[in-house]
Amino acid sequence: MTDLSKKKCKPLAKGTPALDQTTVSSLINQLSGHWLIASDGKMISCEYSFKNYYQTIAFVNAVAWIVHQEDHHPDLLVSYNKCTINYSTHSTGGLSENDFICAAKIDEIL
């Protein structure tokens, strides 16, 4: 099993299809266990909780740095003591390996 957090995101060619369900199931099992697959199979998400707003924003800034380096950006929902991260690859209409690579890198922050 390849360590996803050591991989780099790759640009996707136009028309690249979304990952199939078997591949998605295999990749999600390589993450922390907190990530969930949406019921339609087109998104993964994880909610992180913190003691206060400062810790939440520090986490968001660390995520921003990582995803900027990978050039693969999630949707973030930020509140006082929580941050929900939603990943999907819009160009594929579902999930790509890039989503799982970034999720693994984000898990390493904590």
PDB file of N, CA and C in Angstrom:
ATOM      1  N   MET A   1       0.846  -1.173   0.000  1.00  0.00           N
ATOM      2  CA  MET A   1       0.000   0.000   0.000  1.00  0.00           C
ATOM      3  C   MET A   1       0.895   1.241   0.000  1.00  0.00           C
ATOM      4  N   THR A   2       0.633   2.139  -0.918  1.00  0.00           N
ATOM      5  CA  THR A   2       1.389   3.377  -1.025  1.00  0.00           C
ATOM      6  C   THR A   2       0.887   4.382   0.007  1.00  0.00           C
ATOM      7  N   ASP A   3       1.802   5.092   0.655  1.00  0.00           N
ATOM      8  CA  ASP A   3       1.427   6.123   1.616  1.00  0.00           C
ATOM      9  C   ASP A   3       0.941   7.342   0.830  1.00  0.00           C
ATOM     10  N   LEU A   4      -0.353   7.587   0.876  1.00  0.00           N
ATOM     11  CA  LEU A   4      -0.946   8.686   0.115  1.00  0.00           C
ATOM     12  C   LEU A   4      -0.327  10.034   0.467  1.00  0.00           C
ATOM     13  N   SER A   5       0.039  10.224   1.720  1.00  0.00           N
ATOM     14  CA  SER A   5       0.558  11.528   2.148  1.00  0.00           C
ATOM     15  C   SER A   5       1.919  11.848   1.533  1.00  0.00           C
ATOM     16  N   LYS A   6       2.591  10.855   0.978  1.00  0.00           N
ATOM     17  CA  LYS A   6       3.900  11.077   0.350  1.00  0.00           C
ATOM     18  C   LYS A   6       3.789  11.347  -1.147  1.00  0.00           C
ATOM     19  N   LYS A   7       2.587  11.170  -1.693  1.00  0.00           N
ATOM     20  CA  LYS A   7       2.370  11.386  -3.119  1.00  0.00           C
ATOM     21  C   LYS A   7       2.100  12.865  -3.391  1.00  0.00           C
ATOM     22  N   LYS A   8       2.202  13.269  -4.642  1.00  0.00           N
ATOM     23  CA  LYS A   8       1.883  14.624  -5.082  1.00  0.00           C
ATOM     24  C   LYS A   8       0.649  14.565  -5.974  1.00  0.00           C
ATOM     25  N   CYS A   9      -0.178  15.576  -5.887  1.00  0.00           N
ATOM     26  CA  CYS A   9      -1.327  15.670  -6.785  1.00  0.00           C
ATOM     27  C   CYS A   9      -0.831  15.902  -8.208  1.00  0.00           C
ATOM     28  N   LYS A  10      -1.545  15.314  -9.156  1.00  0.00           N
ATOM     29  CA  LYS A  10      -1.177  15.445 -10.566  1.00  0.00           C
ATOM     30  C   LYS A  10      -2.291  16.155 -11.310  1.00  0.00           C
ATOM     31  N   PRO A  11      -1.925  17.002 -12.267  1.00  0.00           N
ATOM     32  CA  PRO A  11      -2.971  17.616 -13.098  1.00  0.00           C
ATOM     33  C   PRO A  11      -3.745  16.520 -13.822  1.00  0.00           C
ATOM     34  N   LEU A  12      -5.034  16.699 -13.928  1.00  0.00           N
ATOM     35  CA  LEU A  12      -5.869  15.704 -14.590  1.00  0.00           C
ATOM     36  C   LEU A  12      -6.160  16.142 -16.021  1.00  0.00           C
ATOM     37  N   ALA A  13      -6.015  15.210 -16.932  1.00  0.00           N
ATOM     38  CA  ALA A  13      -6.311  15.494 -18.334  1.00  0.00           C
ATOM     39  C   ALA A  13      -7.817  15.707 -18.494  1.00  0.00           C
ATOM     40  N   LYS A  14      -8.171  16.544 -19.432  1.00  0.00           N
ATOM     41  CA  LYS A  14      -9.582  16.778 -19.715  1.00  0.00           C
ATOM     42  C   LYS A  14     -10.253  15.448 -20.042  1.00  0.00           C
ATOM     43  N   GLY A  15     -11.396  15.235 -19.443  1.00  0.00           N
ATOM     44  CA  GLY A  15     -12.130  14.002 -19.690  1.00  0.00           C
ATOM     45  C   GLY A  15     -11.750  12.851 -18.773  1.00  0.00           C
ATOM     46  N   THR A  16     -10.848  13.096 -17.811  1.00  0.00           N
ATOM     47  CA  THR A  16     -10.485  12.039 -16.860  1.00  0.00           C
ATOM     48  C   THR A  16     -11.729  11.633 -16.078  1.00  0.00           C
ATOM     49  N   PRO A  17     -12.039  10.337 -16.059  1.00  0.00           N
ATOM     50  CA  PRO A  17     -13.240   9.904 -15.326  1.00  0.00           C
ATOM     51  C   PRO A  17     -13.012   9.880 -13.818  1.00  0.00           C
ATOM     52  N   ALA A  18     -14.096   9.949 -13.089  1.00  0.00           N
ATOM     53  CA  ALA A  18     -14.039   9.814 -11.636  1.00  0.00           C
ATOM     54  C   ALA A  18     -13.631   8.383 -11.289  1.00  0.00           C
ATOM     55  N   LEU A  19     -13.089   8.211 -10.086  1.00  0.00           N
ATOM     56  CA  LEU A  19     -12.703   6.873  -9.624  1.00  0.00           C
ATOM     57  C   LEU A  19     -13.932   5.984  -9.462  1.00  0.00           C
ATOM     58  N   ASP A  20     -13.752   4.700  -9.708  1.00  0.00           N
ATOM     59  CA  ASP A  20     -14.845   3.750  -9.500  1.00  0.00           C
ATOM     60  C   ASP A  20     -14.976   3.447  -8.004  1.00  0.00           C
ATOM     61  N   GLN A  21     -16.090   2.851  -7.627  1.00  0.00           N
ATOM     62  CA  GLN A  21     -16.403   2.608  -6.219  1.00  0.00           C
ATOM     63  C   GLN A  21     -15.384   1.689  -5.539  1.00  0.00           C
ATOM     64  N   THR A  22     -14.851   0.713  -6.258  1.00  0.00           N
ATOM     65  CA  THR A  22     -13.858  -0.197  -5.677  1.00  0.00           C
ATOM     66  C   THR A  22     -12.596   0.564  -5.298  1.00  0.00           C
ATOM     67  N   THR A  23     -12.145   1.441  -6.180  1.00  0.00           N
ATOM     68  CA  THR A  23     -10.946   2.240  -5.914  1.00  0.00           C
ATOM     69  C   THR A  23     -11.194   3.214  -4.765  1.00  0.00           C
ATOM     70  N   VAL A  24     -12.368   3.844  -4.763  1.00  0.00           N
ATOM     71  CA  VAL A  24     -12.721   4.777  -3.686  1.00  0.00           C
ATOM     72  C   VAL A  24     -12.698   4.048  -2.339  1.00  0.00           C
ATOM     73  N   SER A  25     -13.269   2.860  -2.281  1.00  0.00           N
ATOM     74  CA  SER A  25     -13.291   2.081  -1.033  1.00  0.00           C
ATOM     75  C   SER A  25     -11.880   1.729  -0.571  1.00  0.00           C
ATOM     76  N   SER A  26     -11.026   1.394  -1.502  1.00  0.00           N
ATOM     77  CA  SER A  26      -9.637   1.068  -1.163  1.00  0.00           C
ATOM     78  C   SER A  26      -8.902   2.295  -0.626  1.00  0.00           C
ATOM     79  N   LEU A  27      -9.092   3.431  -1.278  1.00  0.00           N
ATOM     80  CA  LEU A  27      -8.383   4.652  -0.868  1.00  0.00           C
ATOM     81  C   LEU A  27      -8.904   5.200   0.460  1.00  0.00           C
ATOM     82  N   ILE A  28     -10.207   5.136   0.693  1.00  0.00           N
ATOM     83  CA  ILE A  28     -10.752   5.670   1.946  1.00  0.00           C
ATOM     84  C   ILE A  28     -10.211   4.880   3.132  1.00  0.00           C
ATOM     85  N   ASN A  29      -9.927   3.605   2.921  1.00  0.00           N
ATOM     86  CA  ASN A  29      -9.372   2.772   3.996  1.00  0.00           C
ATOM     87  C   ASN A  29      -7.931   3.131   4.332  1.00  0.00           C
ATOM     88  N   GLN A  30      -7.291   3.921   3.487  1.00  0.00           N
ATOM     89  CA  GLN A  30      -5.922   4.358   3.757  1.00  0.00           C
ATOM     90  C   GLN A  30      -5.889   5.676   4.535  1.00  0.00           C
ATOM     91  N   LEU A  31      -7.056   6.257   4.794  1.00  0.00           N
ATOM     92  CA  LEU A  31      -7.137   7.515   5.549  1.00  0.00           C
ATOM     93  C   LEU A  31      -7.382   7.223   7.028  1.00  0.00           C
ATOM     94  N   SER A  32      -7.468   8.272   7.819  1.00  0.00           N
ATOM     95  CA  SER A  32      -7.537   8.172   9.280  1.00  0.00           C
ATOM     96  C   SER A  32      -8.727   7.405   9.819  1.00  0.00           C
ATOM     97  N   GLY A  33      -9.746   7.240   9.051  1.00  0.00           N
ATOM     98  CA  GLY A  33     -10.956   6.616   9.560  1.00  0.00           C
ATOM     99  C   GLY A  33     -12.039   7.616   9.882  1.00  0.00           C
ATOM    100  N   HIS A  34     -11.698   8.897   9.896  1.00  0.00           N
ATOM    101  CA  HIS A  34     -12.677   9.950  10.166  1.00  0.00           C
ATOM    102  C   HIS A  34     -13.349  10.448   8.891  1.00  0.00           C
ATOM    103  N   TRP A  35     -12.779  10.119   7.754  1.00  0.00           N
ATOM    104  CA  TRP A  35     -13.324  10.573   6.474  1.00  0.00           C
ATOM    105  C   TRP A  35     -14.501   9.694   6.081  1.00  0.00           C
ATOM    106  N   LEU A  36     -15.533  10.339   5.545  1.00  0.00           N
ATOM    107  CA  LEU A  36     -16.739   9.635   5.122  1.00  0.00           C
ATOM    108  C   LEU A  36     -16.960   9.861   3.630  1.00  0.00           C
ATOM    109  N   ILE A  37     -17.527   8.862   2.984  1.00  0.00           N
ATOM    110  CA  ILE A  37     -17.892   8.974   1.574  1.00  0.00           C
ATOM    111  C   ILE A  37     -19.356   9.397   1.510  1.00  0.00           C
ATOM    112  N   ALA A  38     -19.654  10.412   0.704  1.00  0.00           N
ATOM    113  CA  ALA A  38     -21.035  10.855   0.534  1.00  0.00           C
ATOM    114  C   ALA A  38     -21.872   9.720  -0.045  1.00  0.00           C
ATOM    115  N   SER A  39     -23.160   9.772   0.209  1.00  0.00           N
ATOM    116  CA  SER A  39     -24.052   8.690  -0.235  1.00  0.00           C
ATOM    117  C   SER A  39     -24.035   8.507  -1.752  1.00  0.00           C
ATOM    118  N   ASP A  40     -23.769   9.577  -2.493  1.00  0.00           N
ATOM    119  CA  ASP A  40     -23.704   9.445  -3.953  1.00  0.00           C
ATOM    120  C   ASP A  40     -22.322   9.014  -4.441  1.00  0.00           C
ATOM    121  N   GLY A  41     -21.354   8.877  -3.511  1.00  0.00           N
ATOM    122  CA  GLY A  41     -20.011   8.428  -3.861  1.00  0.00           C
ATOM    123  C   GLY A  41     -19.157   9.465  -4.569  1.00  0.00           C
ATOM    124  N   LYS A  42     -19.609  10.725  -4.588  1.00  0.00           N
ATOM    125  CA  LYS A  42     -18.900  11.762  -5.347  1.00  0.00           C
ATOM    126  C   LYS A  42     -18.112  12.734  -4.480  1.00  0.00           C
ATOM    127  N   MET A  43     -18.073  12.498  -3.162  1.00  0.00           N
ATOM    128  CA  MET A  43     -17.379  13.423  -2.263  1.00  0.00           C
ATOM    129  C   MET A  43     -16.934  12.665  -1.020  1.00  0.00           C
ATOM    130  N   ILE A  44     -15.797  13.100  -0.462  1.00  0.00           N
ATOM    131  CA  ILE A  44     -15.390  12.650   0.861  1.00  0.00           C
ATOM    132  C   ILE A  44     -15.383  13.864   1.777  1.00  0.00           C
ATOM    133  N   SER A  45     -15.673  13.636   3.047  1.00  0.00           N
ATOM    134  CA  SER A  45     -15.695  14.751   3.991  1.00  0.00           C
ATOM    135  C   SER A  45     -15.209  14.309   5.358  1.00  0.00           C
ATOM    136  N   CYS A  46     -14.746  15.298   6.110  1.00  0.00           N
ATOM    137  CA  CYS A  46     -14.275  15.040   7.470  1.00  0.00           C
ATOM    138  C   CYS A  46     -14.529  16.294   8.303  1.00  0.00           C
ATOM    139  N   GLU A  47     -14.979  16.097   9.515  1.00  0.00           N
ATOM    140  CA  GLU A  47     -15.182  17.218  10.435  1.00  0.00           C
ATOM    141  C   GLU A  47     -14.138  17.155  11.535  1.00  0.00           C
ATOM    142  N   TYR A  48     -13.446  18.244  11.732  1.00  0.00           N
ATOM    143  CA  TYR A  48     -12.438  18.366  12.780  1.00  0.00           C
ATOM    144  C   TYR A  48     -12.969  19.326  13.841  1.00  0.00           C
ATOM    145  N   SER A  49     -12.790  18.980  15.107  1.00  0.00           N
ATOM    146  CA  SER A  49     -13.249  19.818  16.219  1.00  0.00           C
ATOM    147  C   SER A  49     -12.054  20.369  16.992  1.00  0.00           C
ATOM    148  N   PHE A  50     -12.240  21.578  17.541  1.00  0.00           N
ATOM    149  CA  PHE A  50     -11.179  22.277  18.262  1.00  0.00           C
ATOM    150  C   PHE A  50     -11.747  22.917  19.519  1.00  0.00           C
ATOM    151  N   LYS A  51     -10.841  23.392  20.389  1.00  0.00           N
ATOM    152  CA  LYS A  51     -11.260  24.006  21.650  1.00  0.00           C
ATOM    153  C   LYS A  51     -11.836  25.405  21.447  1.00  0.00           C
ATOM    154  N   ASN A  52     -11.336  26.116  20.433  1.00  0.00           N
ATOM    155  CA  ASN A  52     -11.747  27.504  20.271  1.00  0.00           C
ATOM    156  C   ASN A  52     -11.526  27.971  18.830  1.00  0.00           C
ATOM    157  N   TYR A  53     -11.919  29.200  18.592  1.00  0.00           N
ATOM    158  CA  TYR A  53     -11.827  29.774  17.248  1.00  0.00           C
ATOM    159  C   TYR A  53     -10.379  29.892  16.777  1.00  0.00           C
ATOM    160  N   TYR A  54      -9.490  30.281  17.665  1.00  0.00           N
ATOM    161  CA  TYR A  54      -8.084  30.442  17.295  1.00  0.00           C
ATOM    162  C   TYR A  54      -7.500  29.128  16.774  1.00  0.00           C
ATOM    163  N   GLN A  55      -7.752  28.031  17.468  1.00  0.00           N
ATOM    164  CA  GLN A  55      -7.243  26.735  17.016  1.00  0.00           C
ATOM    165  C   GLN A  55      -7.876  26.329  15.679  1.00  0.00           C
ATOM    166  N   THR A  56      -9.154  26.621  15.528  1.00  0.00           N
ATOM    167  CA  THR A  56      -9.838  26.302  14.272  1.00  0.00           C
ATOM    168  C   THR A  56      -9.194  27.047  13.110  1.00  0.00           C
ATOM    169  N   ILE A  57      -8.965  28.333  13.282  1.00  0.00           N
ATOM    170  CA  ILE A  57      -8.393  29.146  12.199  1.00  0.00           C
ATOM    171  C   ILE A  57      -6.940  28.757  11.943  1.00  0.00           C
ATOM    172  N   ALA A  58      -6.196  28.397  12.967  1.00  0.00           N
ATOM    173  CA  ALA A  58      -4.822  27.917  12.768  1.00  0.00           C
ATOM    174  C   ALA A  58      -4.830  26.659  11.899  1.00  0.00           C
ATOM    175  N   PHE A  59      -5.773  25.757  12.162  1.00  0.00           N
ATOM    176  CA  PHE A  59      -5.921  24.551  11.356  1.00  0.00           C
ATOM    177  C   PHE A  59      -6.285  24.906   9.915  1.00  0.00           C
ATOM    178  N   VAL A  60      -7.232  25.803   9.746  1.00  0.00           N
ATOM    179  CA  VAL A  60      -7.651  26.224   8.398  1.00  0.00           C
ATOM    180  C   VAL A  60      -6.464  26.813   7.634  1.00  0.00           C
ATOM    181  N   ASN A  61      -5.651  27.609   8.293  1.00  0.00           N
ATOM    182  CA  ASN A  61      -4.474  28.183   7.634  1.00  0.00           C
ATOM    183  C   ASN A  61      -3.473  27.107   7.241  1.00  0.00           C
ATOM    184  N   ALA A  62      -3.299  26.098   8.085  1.00  0.00           N
ATOM    185  CA  ALA A  62      -2.405  24.988   7.738  1.00  0.00           C
ATOM    186  C   ALA A  62      -2.957  24.211   6.549  1.00  0.00           C
ATOM    187  N   VAL A  63      -4.264  23.986   6.533  1.00  0.00           N
ATOM    188  CA  VAL A  63      -4.900  23.318   5.385  1.00  0.00           C
ATOM    189  C   VAL A  63      -4.683  24.144   4.125  1.00  0.00           C
ATOM    190  N   ALA A  64      -4.884  25.447   4.226  1.00  0.00           N
ATOM    191  CA  ALA A  64      -4.710  26.327   3.061  1.00  0.00           C
ATOM    192  C   ALA A  64      -3.299  26.219   2.499  1.00  0.00           C
ATOM    193  N   TRP A  65      -2.314  26.137   3.359  1.00  0.00           N
ATOM    194  CA  TRP A  65      -0.924  26.020   2.894  1.00  0.00           C
ATOM    195  C   TRP A  65      -0.725  24.703   2.146  1.00  0.00           C
ATOM    196  N   ILE A  66      -1.214  23.613   2.714  1.00  0.00           N
ATOM    197  CA  ILE A  66      -1.059  22.293   2.082  1.00  0.00           C
ATOM    198  C   ILE A  66      -1.741  22.253   0.726  1.00  0.00           C
ATOM    199  N   VAL A  67      -2.998  22.666   0.678  1.00  0.00           N
ATOM    200  CA  VAL A  67      -3.746  22.532  -0.576  1.00  0.00           C
ATOM    201  C   VAL A  67      -3.232  23.489  -1.641  1.00  0.00           C
ATOM    202  N   HIS A  68      -2.669  24.601  -1.211  1.00  0.00           N
ATOM    203  CA  HIS A  68      -2.041  25.509  -2.178  1.00  0.00           C
ATOM    204  C   HIS A  68      -0.820  24.835  -2.809  1.00  0.00           C
ATOM    205  N   GLN A  69      -0.030  24.150  -2.001  1.00  0.00           N
ATOM    206  CA  GLN A  69       1.141  23.434  -2.514  1.00  0.00           C
ATOM    207  C   GLN A  69       0.736  22.352  -3.511  1.00  0.00           C
ATOM    208  N   GLU A  70      -0.390  21.714  -3.264  1.00  0.00           N
ATOM    209  CA  GLU A  70      -0.877  20.630  -4.128  1.00  0.00           C
ATOM    210  C   GLU A  70      -1.750  21.148  -5.276  1.00  0.00           C
ATOM    211  N   ASP A  71      -2.159  22.398  -5.210  1.00  0.00           N
ATOM    212  CA  ASP A  71      -3.054  23.000  -6.201  1.00  0.00           C
ATOM    213  C   ASP A  71      -4.336  22.178  -6.361  1.00  0.00           C
ATOM    214  N   HIS A  72      -4.874  21.763  -5.219  1.00  0.00           N
ATOM    215  CA  HIS A  72      -6.119  20.985  -5.219  1.00  0.00           C
ATOM    216  C   HIS A  72      -6.895  21.394  -3.970  1.00  0.00           C
ATOM    217  N   HIS A  73      -7.938  22.178  -4.152  1.00  0.00           N
ATOM    218  CA  HIS A  73      -8.575  22.889  -3.054  1.00  0.00           C
ATOM    219  C   HIS A  73      -9.932  22.296  -2.682  1.00  0.00           C
ATOM    220  N   PRO A  74     -10.178  22.114  -1.376  1.00  0.00           N
ATOM    221  CA  PRO A  74     -11.467  21.590  -0.915  1.00  0.00           C
ATOM    222  C   PRO A  74     -12.461  22.719  -0.676  1.00  0.00           C
ATOM    223  N   ASP A  75     -13.686  22.340  -0.407  1.00  0.00           N
ATOM    224  CA  ASP A  75     -14.664  23.267   0.133  1.00  0.00           C
ATOM    225  C   ASP A  75     -14.544  23.165   1.644  1.00  0.00           C
ATOM    226  N   LEU A  76     -14.501  24.305   2.318  1.00  0.00           N
ATOM    227  CA  LEU A  76     -14.365  24.347   3.773  1.00  0.00           C
ATOM    228  C   LEU A  76     -15.598  24.998   4.382  1.00  0.00           C
ATOM    229  N   LEU A  77     -16.066  24.424   5.474  1.00  0.00           N
ATOM    230  CA  LEU A  77     -17.120  25.024   6.278  1.00  0.00           C
ATOM    231  C   LEU A  77     -16.502  25.272   7.645  1.00  0.00           C
ATOM    232  N   VAL A  78     -16.357  26.548   8.002  1.00  0.00           N
ATOM    233  CA  VAL A  78     -15.644  26.923   9.224  1.00  0.00           C
ATOM    234  C   VAL A  78     -16.612  27.568  10.199  1.00  0.00           C
ATOM    235  N   SER A  79     -16.585  27.098  11.443  1.00  0.00           N
ATOM    236  CA  SER A  79     -17.360  27.722  12.508  1.00  0.00           C
ATOM    237  C   SER A  79     -16.438  27.937  13.711  1.00  0.00           C
ATOM    238  N   TYR A  80     -16.991  28.322  14.836  1.00  0.00           N
ATOM    239  CA  TYR A  80     -16.185  28.681  15.999  1.00  0.00           C
ATOM    240  C   TYR A  80     -15.189  27.590  16.388  1.00  0.00           C
ATOM    241  N   ASN A  81     -15.650  26.362  16.494  1.00  0.00           N
ATOM    242  CA  ASN A  81     -14.753  25.297  16.969  1.00  0.00           C
ATOM    243  C   ASN A  81     -14.781  24.052  16.077  1.00  0.00           C
ATOM    244  N   LYS A  82     -15.163  24.226  14.818  1.00  0.00           N
ATOM    245  CA  LYS A  82     -15.204  23.106  13.876  1.00  0.00           C
ATOM    246  C   LYS A  82     -14.796  23.552  12.486  1.00  0.00           C
ATOM    247  N   CYS A  83     -14.259  22.609  11.757  1.00  0.00           N
ATOM    248  CA  CYS A  83     -13.985  22.819  10.337  1.00  0.00           C
ATOM    249  C   CYS A  83     -14.353  21.521   9.616  1.00  0.00           C
ATOM    250  N   THR A  84     -15.253  21.630   8.668  1.00  0.00           N
ATOM    251  CA  THR A  84     -15.616  20.494   7.836  1.00  0.00           C
ATOM    252  C   THR A  84     -14.948  20.674   6.480  1.00  0.00           C
ATOM    253  N   ILE A  85     -14.281  19.627   6.037  1.00  0.00           N
ATOM    254  CA  ILE A  85     -13.589  19.645   4.748  1.00  0.00           C
ATOM    255  C   ILE A  85     -14.315  18.698   3.808  1.00  0.00           C
ATOM    256  N   ASN A  86     -14.683  19.211   2.647  1.00  0.00           N
ATOM    257  CA  ASN A  86     -15.339  18.420   1.615  1.00  0.00           C
ATOM    258  C   ASN A  86     -14.460  18.403   0.376  1.00  0.00           C
ATOM    259  N   TYR A  87     -14.138  17.205  -0.071  1.00  0.00           N
ATOM    260  CA  TYR A  87     -13.315  17.047  -1.265  1.00  0.00           C
ATOM    261  C   TYR A  87     -14.071  16.308  -2.349  1.00  0.00           C
ATOM    262  N   SER A  88     -14.018  16.848  -3.540  1.00  0.00           N
ATOM    263  CA  SER A  88     -14.441  16.179  -4.762  1.00  0.00           C
ATOM    264  C   SER A  88     -13.676  16.870  -5.885  1.00  0.00           C
ATOM    265  N   THR A  89     -13.566  16.199  -6.995  1.00  0.00           N
ATOM    266  CA  THR A  89     -12.872  16.792  -8.138  1.00  0.00           C
ATOM    267  C   THR A  89     -13.933  17.176  -9.155  1.00  0.00           C
ATOM    268  N   HIS A  90     -14.197  18.464  -9.222  1.00  0.00           N
ATOM    269  CA  HIS A  90     -15.282  18.960 -10.064  1.00  0.00           C
ATOM    270  C   HIS A  90     -15.102  18.579 -11.532  1.00  0.00           C
ATOM    271  N   SER A  91     -13.867  18.568 -11.995  1.00  0.00           N
ATOM    272  CA  SER A  91     -13.626  18.273 -13.415  1.00  0.00           C
ATOM    273  C   SER A  91     -13.947  16.819 -13.780  1.00  0.00           C
ATOM    274  N   THR A  92     -13.939  15.921 -12.791  1.00  0.00           N
ATOM    275  CA  THR A  92     -14.263  14.518 -13.070  1.00  0.00           C
ATOM    276  C   THR A  92     -15.718  14.195 -12.725  1.00  0.00           C
ATOM    277  N   GLY A  93     -16.365  15.103 -12.015  1.00  0.00           N
ATOM    278  CA  GLY A  93     -17.733  14.845 -11.584  1.00  0.00           C
ATOM    279  C   GLY A  93     -17.798  13.840 -10.447  1.00  0.00           C
ATOM    280  N   GLY A  94     -16.712  13.682  -9.731  1.00  0.00           N
ATOM    281  CA  GLY A  94     -16.663  12.728  -8.620  1.00  0.00           C
ATOM    282  C   GLY A  94     -15.346  12.837  -7.888  1.00  0.00           C
ATOM    283  N   LEU A  95     -14.781  11.706  -7.549  1.00  0.00           N
ATOM    284  CA  LEU A  95     -13.536  11.672  -6.782  1.00  0.00           C
ATOM    285  C   LEU A  95     -12.353  11.280  -7.653  1.00  0.00           C
ATOM    286  N   SER A  96     -11.210  11.878  -7.338  1.00  0.00           N
ATOM    287  CA  SER A  96      -9.946  11.512  -7.984  1.00  0.00           C
ATOM    288  C   SER A  96      -8.949  11.143  -6.892  1.00  0.00           C
ATOM    289  N   GLU A  97      -7.833  10.554  -7.289  1.00  0.00           N
ATOM    290  CA  GLU A  97      -6.796  10.227  -6.309  1.00  0.00           C
ATOM    291  C   GLU A  97      -6.307  11.490  -5.607  1.00  0.00           C
ATOM    292  N   ASN A  98      -6.326  12.633  -6.289  1.00  0.00           N
ATOM    293  CA  ASN A  98      -5.892  13.893  -5.683  1.00  0.00           C
ATOM    294  C   ASN A  98      -6.676  14.211  -4.409  1.00  0.00           C
ATOM    295  N   ASP A  99      -7.964  13.886  -4.384  1.00  0.00           N
ATOM    296  CA  ASP A  99      -8.778  14.134  -3.191  1.00  0.00           C
ATOM    297  C   ASP A  99      -8.233  13.356  -1.994  1.00  0.00           C
ATOM    298  N   PHE A 100      -7.850  12.116  -2.226  1.00  0.00           N
ATOM    299  CA  PHE A 100      -7.349  11.259  -1.150  1.00  0.00           C
ATOM    300  C   PHE A 100      -5.929  11.644  -0.738  1.00  0.00           C
ATOM    301  N   ILE A 101      -5.122  12.078  -1.685  1.00  0.00           N
ATOM    302  CA  ILE A 101      -3.769  12.550  -1.362  1.00  0.00           C
ATOM    303  C   ILE A 101      -3.857  13.747  -0.419  1.00  0.00           C
ATOM    304  N   CYS A 102      -4.691  14.710  -0.758  1.00  0.00           N
ATOM    305  CA  CYS A 102      -4.822  15.895   0.094  1.00  0.00           C
ATOM    306  C   CYS A 102      -5.444  15.547   1.445  1.00  0.00           C
ATOM    307  N   ALA A 103      -6.423  14.658   1.457  1.00  0.00           N
ATOM    308  CA  ALA A 103      -7.020  14.235   2.730  1.00  0.00           C
ATOM    309  C   ALA A 103      -5.963  13.615   3.637  1.00  0.00           C
ATOM    310  N   ALA A 104      -5.093  12.795   3.083  1.00  0.00           N
ATOM    311  CA  ALA A 104      -4.025  12.158   3.874  1.00  0.00           C
ATOM    312  C   ALA A 104      -3.046  13.204   4.403  1.00  0.00           C
ATOM    313  N   LYS A 105      -2.719  14.186   3.606  1.00  0.00           N
ATOM    314  CA  LYS A 105      -1.806  15.250   4.048  1.00  0.00           C
ATOM    315  C   LYS A 105      -2.453  16.087   5.159  1.00  0.00           C
ATOM    316  N   ILE A 106      -3.745  16.353   5.034  1.00  0.00           N
ATOM    317  CA  ILE A 106      -4.456  17.112   6.062  1.00  0.00           C
ATOM    318  C   ILE A 106      -4.488  16.323   7.370  1.00  0.00           C
ATOM    319  N   ASP A 107      -4.719  15.029   7.288  1.00  0.00           N
ATOM    320  CA  ASP A 107      -4.721  14.200   8.498  1.00  0.00           C
ATOM    321  C   ASP A 107      -3.392  14.294   9.253  1.00  0.00           C
ATOM    322  N   GLU A 108      -2.322  14.481   8.539  1.00  0.00           N
ATOM    323  CA  GLU A 108      -1.003  14.551   9.187  1.00  0.00           C
ATOM    324  C   GLU A 108      -0.791  15.830   9.990  1.00  0.00           C
ATOM    325  N   ILE A 109      -1.596  16.845   9.758  1.00  0.00           N
ATOM    326  CA  ILE A 109      -1.457  18.106  10.510  1.00  0.00           C
ATOM    327  C   ILE A 109      -1.642  17.849  12.001  1.00  0.00           C
ATOM    328  N   LEU A 110      -2.614  17.022  12.315  1.00  0.00           N
ATOM    329  CA  LEU A 110      -2.936  16.796  13.738  1.00  0.00           C
ATOM    330  C   LEU A 110      -2.150  15.654  14.252  1.00  0.00           C
TER     331      LEU A 110
END
